[in-house]
N, C-alpha and C. Protein backbone atom coordinates (compact mmCIF):
# COMPACT_ATOMS: atom_id res chain seq x y z
N MET A 1 -133.29 26.60 116.07
CA MET A 1 -134.62 26.37 116.59
C MET A 1 -135.30 25.34 115.71
N VAL A 2 -135.84 24.32 116.32
CA VAL A 2 -136.59 23.29 115.60
C VAL A 2 -138.06 23.64 115.71
N SER A 3 -138.78 23.40 114.65
CA SER A 3 -140.20 23.74 114.59
C SER A 3 -141.03 22.81 115.47
N ARG A 4 -141.48 23.33 116.60
CA ARG A 4 -142.40 22.63 117.50
C ARG A 4 -143.41 23.65 118.00
N PRO A 5 -144.67 23.24 118.16
CA PRO A 5 -145.63 24.20 118.70
C PRO A 5 -145.15 24.72 120.05
N ASP A 6 -145.33 25.98 120.27
CA ASP A 6 -144.94 26.69 121.49
C ASP A 6 -143.43 26.83 121.66
N GLY A 7 -142.66 26.55 120.61
CA GLY A 7 -141.22 26.84 120.65
C GLY A 7 -141.05 28.35 120.63
N ARG A 8 -140.08 28.87 121.40
CA ARG A 8 -139.89 30.33 121.47
C ARG A 8 -138.41 30.65 121.57
N MET A 9 -137.98 31.66 120.84
CA MET A 9 -136.61 32.11 120.86
C MET A 9 -136.60 33.62 121.02
N VAL A 10 -135.79 34.14 121.94
CA VAL A 10 -135.70 35.58 122.18
C VAL A 10 -134.35 36.07 121.69
N VAL A 11 -134.36 37.20 121.00
CA VAL A 11 -133.15 37.82 120.48
C VAL A 11 -132.97 39.18 121.14
N ASP A 12 -131.78 39.41 121.72
CA ASP A 12 -131.42 40.70 122.32
C ASP A 12 -130.70 41.50 121.25
N LEU A 13 -131.26 42.63 120.85
CA LEU A 13 -130.67 43.45 119.80
C LEU A 13 -129.58 44.38 120.34
N GLY A 14 -129.34 44.37 121.65
CA GLY A 14 -128.26 45.15 122.25
C GLY A 14 -128.66 46.56 122.66
N ALA A 15 -129.62 47.12 121.99
CA ALA A 15 -130.14 48.47 122.28
C ALA A 15 -131.48 48.58 121.58
N GLU A 16 -132.26 49.57 121.97
CA GLU A 16 -133.54 49.78 121.31
C GLU A 16 -133.31 50.08 119.84
N GLN A 17 -134.07 49.43 118.99
CA GLN A 17 -133.95 49.58 117.53
C GLN A 17 -135.32 49.88 116.92
N HIS A 18 -135.33 50.57 115.81
CA HIS A 18 -136.55 50.73 115.03
C HIS A 18 -136.58 49.54 114.07
N ILE A 19 -137.64 48.75 114.11
CA ILE A 19 -137.74 47.52 113.32
C ILE A 19 -138.80 47.71 112.25
N THR A 20 -138.42 47.41 111.01
CA THR A 20 -139.36 47.54 109.90
C THR A 20 -139.66 46.20 109.23
N GLU A 21 -138.76 45.21 109.42
CA GLU A 21 -138.99 43.92 108.76
C GLU A 21 -138.30 42.79 109.52
N ILE A 22 -138.98 41.65 109.56
CA ILE A 22 -138.41 40.43 110.12
C ILE A 22 -138.58 39.35 109.07
N ARG A 23 -137.49 38.59 108.85
CA ARG A 23 -137.51 37.49 107.88
C ARG A 23 -136.95 36.24 108.53
N THR A 24 -137.61 35.12 108.29
CA THR A 24 -137.10 33.84 108.76
C THR A 24 -136.79 32.98 107.55
N GLN A 25 -135.85 32.07 107.73
CA GLN A 25 -135.53 31.10 106.69
C GLN A 25 -135.44 29.74 107.38
N TRP A 26 -136.15 28.77 106.84
CA TRP A 26 -136.25 27.44 107.44
C TRP A 26 -135.67 26.39 106.50
N ARG A 27 -134.98 25.40 107.06
CA ARG A 27 -134.43 24.28 106.29
C ARG A 27 -135.40 23.11 106.42
N GLY A 28 -135.72 22.51 105.29
CA GLY A 28 -136.60 21.35 105.27
C GLY A 28 -138.05 21.73 105.51
N GLY A 29 -138.93 21.18 104.76
CA GLY A 29 -140.35 21.47 104.96
C GLY A 29 -140.69 22.92 104.69
N HIS A 30 -141.92 23.26 104.97
CA HIS A 30 -142.38 24.64 104.84
C HIS A 30 -142.23 25.36 106.17
N ALA A 31 -142.21 26.66 106.13
CA ALA A 31 -142.12 27.46 107.36
C ALA A 31 -143.35 27.19 108.23
N PRO A 32 -143.15 26.96 109.51
CA PRO A 32 -144.30 26.77 110.39
C PRO A 32 -144.98 28.12 110.66
N ALA A 33 -146.23 28.08 111.06
CA ALA A 33 -146.91 29.31 111.44
C ALA A 33 -146.19 29.89 112.66
N SER A 34 -145.78 31.15 112.56
CA SER A 34 -144.99 31.78 113.62
C SER A 34 -145.46 33.21 113.84
N GLN A 35 -145.16 33.71 115.03
CA GLN A 35 -145.46 35.11 115.31
C GLN A 35 -144.28 35.73 116.04
N VAL A 36 -144.23 37.06 116.02
CA VAL A 36 -143.16 37.81 116.68
C VAL A 36 -143.80 38.75 117.70
N GLU A 37 -143.13 38.87 118.85
CA GLU A 37 -143.53 39.82 119.88
C GLU A 37 -142.33 40.71 120.17
N PHE A 38 -142.59 41.91 120.67
CA PHE A 38 -141.53 42.88 120.92
C PHE A 38 -141.50 43.32 122.37
N SER A 39 -140.31 43.70 122.86
CA SER A 39 -140.15 44.15 124.23
C SER A 39 -139.04 45.19 124.32
N LEU A 40 -139.22 46.15 125.20
CA LEU A 40 -138.16 47.12 125.48
C LEU A 40 -137.32 46.68 126.68
N ASP A 41 -137.92 45.90 127.60
CA ASP A 41 -137.21 45.54 128.83
C ASP A 41 -136.87 44.05 128.97
N GLY A 42 -137.33 43.20 128.05
CA GLY A 42 -137.04 41.77 128.12
C GLY A 42 -137.96 41.00 129.05
N ARG A 43 -138.89 41.67 129.68
CA ARG A 43 -139.84 41.01 130.59
C ARG A 43 -141.26 41.08 130.08
N THR A 44 -141.65 42.20 129.54
CA THR A 44 -143.01 42.42 129.06
C THR A 44 -142.99 42.46 127.53
N TYR A 45 -143.70 41.53 126.91
CA TYR A 45 -143.74 41.45 125.45
C TYR A 45 -145.14 41.79 124.96
N SER A 46 -145.20 42.46 123.81
CA SER A 46 -146.49 42.84 123.22
C SER A 46 -146.34 42.94 121.72
N GLY A 47 -147.43 43.29 121.08
CA GLY A 47 -147.41 43.51 119.64
C GLY A 47 -147.30 42.24 118.83
N ALA A 48 -147.83 41.13 119.35
CA ALA A 48 -147.74 39.86 118.63
C ALA A 48 -148.34 40.00 117.24
N ALA A 49 -147.55 39.62 116.25
CA ALA A 49 -148.01 39.68 114.86
C ALA A 49 -147.52 38.44 114.14
N GLN A 50 -148.40 37.85 113.34
CA GLN A 50 -148.06 36.62 112.65
C GLN A 50 -147.26 36.91 111.39
N LEU A 51 -146.23 36.08 111.15
CA LEU A 51 -145.44 36.18 109.93
C LEU A 51 -146.25 35.61 108.78
N SER A 52 -145.96 36.06 107.57
CA SER A 52 -146.64 35.55 106.39
C SER A 52 -146.23 34.09 106.16
N ALA A 53 -146.89 33.42 105.23
CA ALA A 53 -146.55 32.04 104.90
C ALA A 53 -145.11 31.92 104.40
N ARG A 54 -144.54 33.01 103.93
CA ARG A 54 -143.14 33.02 103.47
C ARG A 54 -142.17 33.36 104.58
N GLY A 55 -142.70 33.57 105.79
CA GLY A 55 -141.83 33.85 106.93
C GLY A 55 -141.39 35.30 107.02
N VAL A 56 -142.23 36.24 106.57
CA VAL A 56 -141.87 37.65 106.55
C VAL A 56 -142.92 38.46 107.33
N LEU A 57 -142.45 39.45 108.05
CA LEU A 57 -143.35 40.38 108.74
C LEU A 57 -142.82 41.80 108.53
N ARG A 58 -143.66 42.66 108.00
CA ARG A 58 -143.33 44.08 107.90
C ARG A 58 -144.01 44.77 109.07
N THR A 59 -143.27 45.64 109.74
CA THR A 59 -143.77 46.25 110.95
C THR A 59 -143.20 47.66 111.11
N ASP A 60 -143.68 48.37 112.05
CA ASP A 60 -143.15 49.69 112.42
C ASP A 60 -143.12 49.70 113.95
N SER A 61 -142.08 49.08 114.51
CA SER A 61 -142.00 48.88 115.95
C SER A 61 -140.64 49.32 116.49
N ALA A 62 -140.61 49.62 117.77
CA ALA A 62 -139.36 49.91 118.47
C ALA A 62 -139.21 48.83 119.54
N ALA A 63 -138.03 48.21 119.61
CA ALA A 63 -137.81 47.15 120.59
C ALA A 63 -136.32 46.91 120.79
N ARG A 64 -136.00 46.39 121.96
CA ARG A 64 -134.64 45.89 122.20
C ARG A 64 -134.61 44.37 122.05
N TYR A 65 -135.75 43.73 122.33
CA TYR A 65 -135.85 42.28 122.25
C TYR A 65 -136.95 41.89 121.28
N GLY A 66 -136.71 40.83 120.54
CA GLY A 66 -137.72 40.25 119.67
C GLY A 66 -137.86 38.78 120.02
N ALA A 67 -139.08 38.29 120.13
CA ALA A 67 -139.33 36.89 120.45
C ALA A 67 -140.06 36.24 119.28
N LEU A 68 -139.49 35.17 118.76
CA LEU A 68 -140.11 34.40 117.69
C LEU A 68 -140.76 33.18 118.32
N ARG A 69 -142.06 33.02 118.11
CA ARG A 69 -142.81 31.90 118.69
C ARG A 69 -143.41 31.07 117.55
N VAL A 70 -143.19 29.76 117.61
CA VAL A 70 -143.80 28.85 116.65
C VAL A 70 -145.19 28.50 117.16
N ILE A 71 -146.19 28.68 116.31
CA ILE A 71 -147.58 28.44 116.68
C ILE A 71 -147.98 27.00 116.35
N THR A 72 -147.63 26.54 115.15
CA THR A 72 -147.92 25.17 114.73
C THR A 72 -146.68 24.57 114.08
N SER A 73 -146.58 23.27 114.08
CA SER A 73 -145.45 22.59 113.45
C SER A 73 -145.51 22.77 111.94
N ALA A 74 -144.34 22.68 111.33
CA ALA A 74 -144.26 22.70 109.87
C ALA A 74 -144.83 21.39 109.34
N THR A 75 -145.05 21.32 108.03
CA THR A 75 -145.60 20.11 107.43
C THR A 75 -144.57 18.99 107.35
N GLY A 76 -143.35 19.28 107.65
CA GLY A 76 -142.28 18.29 107.70
C GLY A 76 -141.24 18.79 108.66
N PRO A 77 -140.16 18.04 108.86
CA PRO A 77 -139.13 18.53 109.77
C PRO A 77 -138.55 19.85 109.25
N ALA A 78 -138.46 20.84 110.11
CA ALA A 78 -137.95 22.14 109.71
C ALA A 78 -137.11 22.72 110.84
N SER A 79 -136.01 23.38 110.48
CA SER A 79 -135.14 24.04 111.44
C SER A 79 -134.90 25.47 110.99
N LEU A 80 -134.93 26.38 111.94
CA LEU A 80 -134.66 27.79 111.64
C LEU A 80 -133.17 27.93 111.34
N ILE A 81 -132.84 28.47 110.17
CA ILE A 81 -131.43 28.66 109.83
C ILE A 81 -131.06 30.14 109.75
N ALA A 82 -132.06 31.03 109.66
CA ALA A 82 -131.76 32.46 109.63
C ALA A 82 -132.95 33.25 110.18
N LEU A 83 -132.63 34.24 110.99
CA LEU A 83 -133.61 35.19 111.50
C LEU A 83 -133.00 36.58 111.31
N ASN A 84 -133.59 37.35 110.42
CA ASN A 84 -133.08 38.70 110.13
C ASN A 84 -134.08 39.72 110.65
N ILE A 85 -133.57 40.64 111.48
CA ILE A 85 -134.38 41.71 112.03
C ILE A 85 -133.79 43.02 111.54
N ALA A 86 -134.55 43.76 110.76
CA ALA A 86 -134.05 45.01 110.18
C ALA A 86 -134.99 46.15 110.52
């Protein structure tokens, strides 16, 4: 995923999971402002929460799908190289 405003990536976790933390890692530049939304059915998303400036979100959510949305561009070219959902 390249950092562009309104860029969105959806991850299917395969089954409903209890999620406590999401971490992103970006190559080049700083992490862009991003948020995560959760869904049980892949159609209806809710619980939008912004990741910290370090690309981390601590949460207490249940979801089968997680959507990462870029809100603003990074200060330089940046590409998502890792998305960890635990």
